[in-house]
Protein backbone atom coordinates (compact mmCIF):
# COMPACT_ATOMS: atom_id res chain seq x y z
CA MET A 1 0.01 0.07 -0.23
CA ASN A 2 1.29 3.21 -0.88
CA ILE A 3 0.73 5.68 1.81
CA GLN A 4 0.32 9.11 1.42
CA MET A 5 0.75 11.94 4.47
CA HIS A 6 -2.46 13.75 3.03
CA GLU A 7 -4.37 10.54 3.97
CA TYR A 8 -3.05 10.89 7.68
CA ASN A 9 -2.24 14.96 7.60
CA MET A 10 0.40 14.51 10.16
CA PRO A 11 2.02 11.62 12.06
CA SER A 12 0.12 10.77 15.04
CA MET A 13 0.71 8.71 18.35
CA GLU A 14 -2.44 6.96 17.30
CA MET A 15 -0.55 5.40 14.30
CA THR A 16 0.89 2.14 14.32
CA ASP A 17 4.82 1.89 14.69
CA GLY A 18 4.18 0.00 10.91
CA ILE A 19 2.41 3.17 9.41
CA LEU A 20 5.26 5.24 10.80
CA ILE A 21 7.88 2.93 9.60
CA LYS A 22 6.12 3.31 5.98
CA LEU A 23 5.85 6.98 6.05
CA ILE A 24 9.63 7.43 7.35
CA LEU A 25 10.85 5.03 4.53
CA ALA A 26 8.68 7.21 2.06
CA GLY A 27 10.81 10.50 3.11
CA GLU A 28 8.42 11.45 6.20
CA GLN A 29 11.05 12.97 8.75
CA SER A 30 8.30 13.95 10.95
CA ALA A 31 7.12 10.37 11.25
CA PHE A 32 10.69 9.72 12.69
CA GLU A 33 10.04 11.98 15.41
CA ALA A 34 6.83 10.49 16.29
CA LEU A 35 8.83 7.12 16.84
CA VAL A 36 11.46 8.80 18.65
CA CYS A 37 8.57 10.83 20.90
CA ARG A 38 6.95 7.37 21.25
CA TYR A 39 9.75 5.44 22.64
CA GLU A 40 12.91 7.85 24.10
CA LYS A 41 11.64 8.35 27.76
CA SER A 42 11.06 4.55 28.36
CA LEU A 43 14.28 3.71 26.51
CA PHE A 44 16.44 6.26 28.20
CA ASN A 45 15.09 5.27 31.82
CA PHE A 46 16.09 1.74 31.25
CA ILE A 47 19.50 2.90 29.77
CA CYS A 48 20.42 5.53 32.35
CA HIS A 49 19.53 2.58 34.98
CA PHE A 50 21.54 0.17 33.27
CA LEU A 51 24.65 2.07 33.05
CA GLY A 52 24.12 4.34 35.93
CA ASN A 53 25.42 7.40 34.12
CA TYR A 54 23.13 9.97 32.69
CA ASP A 55 25.48 11.71 30.06
CA LEU A 56 26.41 8.36 28.80
CA ALA A 57 22.81 7.19 28.87
CA CYS A 58 22.11 10.26 26.31
CA ASP A 59 24.72 8.85 24.04
CA ILE A 60 23.67 5.40 24.06
CA LEU A 61 19.95 6.46 23.15
CA GLN A 62 21.27 8.47 20.02
CA ASP A 63 23.02 5.06 18.96
CA VAL A 64 19.92 3.32 19.71
CA PHE A 65 17.94 5.69 17.51
CA LEU A 66 20.59 5.51 14.74
CA LYS A 67 20.68 1.99 14.60
CA VAL A 68 16.79 2.11 14.25
CA TYR A 69 16.76 4.68 11.37
CA ILE A 70 19.56 2.21 9.68
CA SER A 71 17.52 -0.86 10.01
CA LEU A 72 14.09 0.40 9.16
CA PRO A 73 13.96 -1.40 5.55
CA LYS A 74 14.91 -4.60 7.46
CA LEU A 75 12.06 -4.41 10.14
CA HIS A 76 8.76 -6.12 10.05
CA THR A 77 5.87 -3.21 9.66
CA ASP A 78 2.93 -5.96 11.13
CA GLN A 79 4.97 -5.98 14.63
CA SER A 80 5.72 -3.23 17.27
CA LEU A 81 9.00 -2.41 17.20
CA ARG A 82 9.12 -2.13 21.14
CA PRO A 83 10.99 -5.41 22.21
CA TRP A 84 13.53 -5.30 19.21
CA LEU A 85 14.20 -1.70 20.53
CA PHE A 86 14.83 -2.49 24.02
CA GLN A 87 17.02 -5.42 22.79
CA VAL A 88 18.85 -3.13 20.99
CA ALA A 89 19.41 -0.81 23.71
CA ARG A 90 20.45 -3.65 26.07
CA ASN A 91 23.05 -4.91 23.55
CA CYS A 92 24.37 -1.29 23.25
CA CYS A 93 24.64 -0.94 26.78
CA LEU A 94 26.33 -4.43 27.19
CA ASP A 95 28.77 -2.93 24.35
CA GLU A 96 29.49 0.08 26.49
CA LEU A 97 29.94 -2.08 29.41
CA ARG A 98 32.41 -4.01 28.08
CA ARG A 99 34.41 -1.20 26.51
CA LYS A 100 34.67 0.04 30.07
CA ARG A 101 35.03 -2.35 32.63
CA PRO A 102 34.93 -6.32 32.61
CA ILE A 103 31.64 -7.94 33.63
CA THR A 104 31.40 -10.09 36.95
CA TYR A 105 28.46 -11.83 38.23
CA SER A 106 27.45 -12.58 42.02
CA GLN A 107 26.59 -16.00 42.94
CA LEU A 108 23.07 -15.67 44.67
CA GLU A 109 21.07 -18.24 47.00
CA VAL A 110 17.76 -19.02 44.89
CA THR A 111 14.75 -17.77 46.86
CA GLU A 112 11.43 -19.02 46.03
CA GLU A 113 9.31 -15.89 45.97
CA GLU A 114 5.45 -15.17 44.05
CA ASP A 115 5.41 -14.64 40.52
CA ASP A 116 5.37 -10.81 40.57
CA VAL A 117 5.54 -7.60 42.36
CA SER A 118 5.35 -4.22 41.29
CA PRO A 119 7.79 -1.44 42.38
CA VAL A 120 4.83 0.19 44.12
CA ALA A 121 4.15 -3.18 46.12
CA ILE A 122 8.05 -3.33 47.32
CA LEU A 123 7.37 0.29 48.87
CA PRO A 124 5.66 1.28 51.91
CA ASP A 125 1.66 1.34 51.72
CA THR A 126 0.09 4.00 49.83
CA ASN A 127 -1.58 7.00 51.73
CA PRO A 128 1.06 7.74 54.30
CA LEU A 129 1.29 10.35 56.92
CA PRO A 130 2.51 13.78 55.82
CA GLU A 131 5.56 12.89 58.00
CA GLU A 132 6.03 9.56 56.00
CA ILE A 133 6.18 11.15 52.59
CA ALA A 134 9.66 12.10 53.15
CA GLU A 135 10.73 8.43 54.14
CA HIS A 136 8.74 7.03 50.84
CA HIS A 137 10.72 9.48 48.66
CA GLU A 138 14.15 8.03 50.28
CA LEU A 139 12.78 4.44 49.42
CA GLN A 140 12.26 5.29 46.02
CA GLN A 141 15.75 6.57 45.65
CA ILE A 142 17.01 3.62 47.51
CA LEU A 143 14.99 1.26 45.28
CA ARG A 144 16.32 2.86 42.16
CA ARG A 145 20.20 2.47 43.67
CA ALA A 146 19.43 -0.87 44.88
CA ILE A 147 18.61 -1.41 41.40
CA ASP A 148 21.74 -0.55 39.76
CA GLU A 149 23.99 -2.26 42.35
CA LEU A 150 22.26 -5.46 41.09
CA PRO A 151 24.42 -8.22 39.21
CA LEU A 152 24.16 -7.18 35.51
CA LYS A 153 22.25 -10.45 34.79
CA PHE A 154 19.52 -9.72 37.23
CA ARG A 155 19.52 -5.84 36.70
CA GLN A 156 18.52 -6.11 33.04
CA VAL A 157 15.55 -8.59 33.68
CA VAL A 158 14.27 -6.36 36.59
CA LEU A 159 14.58 -3.28 34.38
CA LEU A 160 12.76 -4.84 31.49
CA ARG A 161 10.10 -5.87 33.87
CA TYR A 162 9.58 -2.61 35.65
CA ILE A 163 10.37 0.12 33.65
CA GLY A 164 9.43 -1.95 30.01
CA ARG A 165 6.72 -3.73 31.42
CA PHE A 166 7.39 -6.71 29.33
CA THR A 167 6.40 -10.36 30.15
CA PHE A 168 8.87 -12.85 31.22
CA VAL A 169 8.21 -14.28 27.52
CA GLU A 170 8.97 -11.25 26.15
CA ILE A 171 11.89 -10.91 28.42
CA GLY A 172 13.60 -14.07 27.41
CA ASN A 173 12.92 -13.23 23.48
CA ILE A 174 14.70 -9.97 23.99
CA LEU A 175 17.79 -11.54 26.32
CA ASN A 176 17.99 -14.65 24.10
CA MET A 177 17.24 -16.77 27.34
CA PRO A 178 14.42 -19.22 28.17
CA GLN A 179 11.18 -17.85 30.17
CA ALA A 180 12.10 -19.79 33.06
CA THR A 181 15.45 -18.36 33.55
CA ALA A 182 14.34 -14.61 32.90
CA LYS A 183 11.52 -15.48 35.63
CA THR A 184 14.27 -17.06 38.14
CA TYR A 185 16.66 -14.09 37.56
CA PHE A 186 13.82 -11.69 38.62
CA GLN A 187 12.75 -13.89 41.86
CA ARG A 188 16.40 -14.05 42.81
CA ALA A 189 16.84 -10.00 42.54
CA ARG A 190 13.74 -9.29 44.49
CA PRO A 191 14.68 -10.40 47.93
CA LEU A 192 18.23 -8.24 47.41
CA LEU A 193 15.93 -5.13 46.46
CA ARG A 194 13.86 -5.69 49.64
CA ARG A 195 16.99 -6.57 51.83
CA ALA A 196 18.21 -2.98 50.62
CA LEU A 197 14.68 -1.30 51.35
CA SER A 198 14.79 -2.88 54.87
CA SER A 199 18.11 -1.80 55.85
CA PHE A 200 17.16 1.52 54.93
CA ARG A 201 13.97 1.46 57.24
CA GLU A 202 15.63 0.10 59.93
CA GLN A 203 18.35 3.21 59.94
CA TYR A 204 15.47 5.63 59.04
CA LYS A 205 13.67 4.64 61.97
CA LYS A 206 16.65 4.91 64.25
CA THR A 207 17.29 8.73 62.95
CA VAL A 208 13.72 9.53 63.72
CA ALA A 209 13.50 7.96 67.15
């Protein structure tokens, strides 16, 4: 199908990724800008947490969208770009880490946990009292720091689950690992995060006592 801009006026967030790709390939630059706008925030958050460096994350994000632009003619226009984009972002992050420093993995004890939990569920209960608001904010900061300190193989699964909102099947596809492995890494990471939050809460209670 030959897509003409007058059929759609301007690219919008309601258009599918496939339509935007076809418009980009037809020479419509604003369609690429719409694609970037659709994914840049979630990709940047993922990259920034992965690398722990804001400026470096900005550079990597540009690399990701450059790879996207180059790869457009080869992409399937009947599928969402989201899983593929996060896979590209993850690979770019790994390439950067390999250049900067060796990657080491911690050996952690397997912990049986329930299937899933949202970041909010890890944090204190909702409807906090006014004096609890500061603690809640600090806990959010601690959670982000705790995620950043996870072993890489756990961190990338946690980020894809929490920030990307991917299922374990999708995470397995993105990371080229079995679904069960992705789920196991997620389950092993959660007690580490909870431990960091519990430790902070104990310290916090002592300071306000």
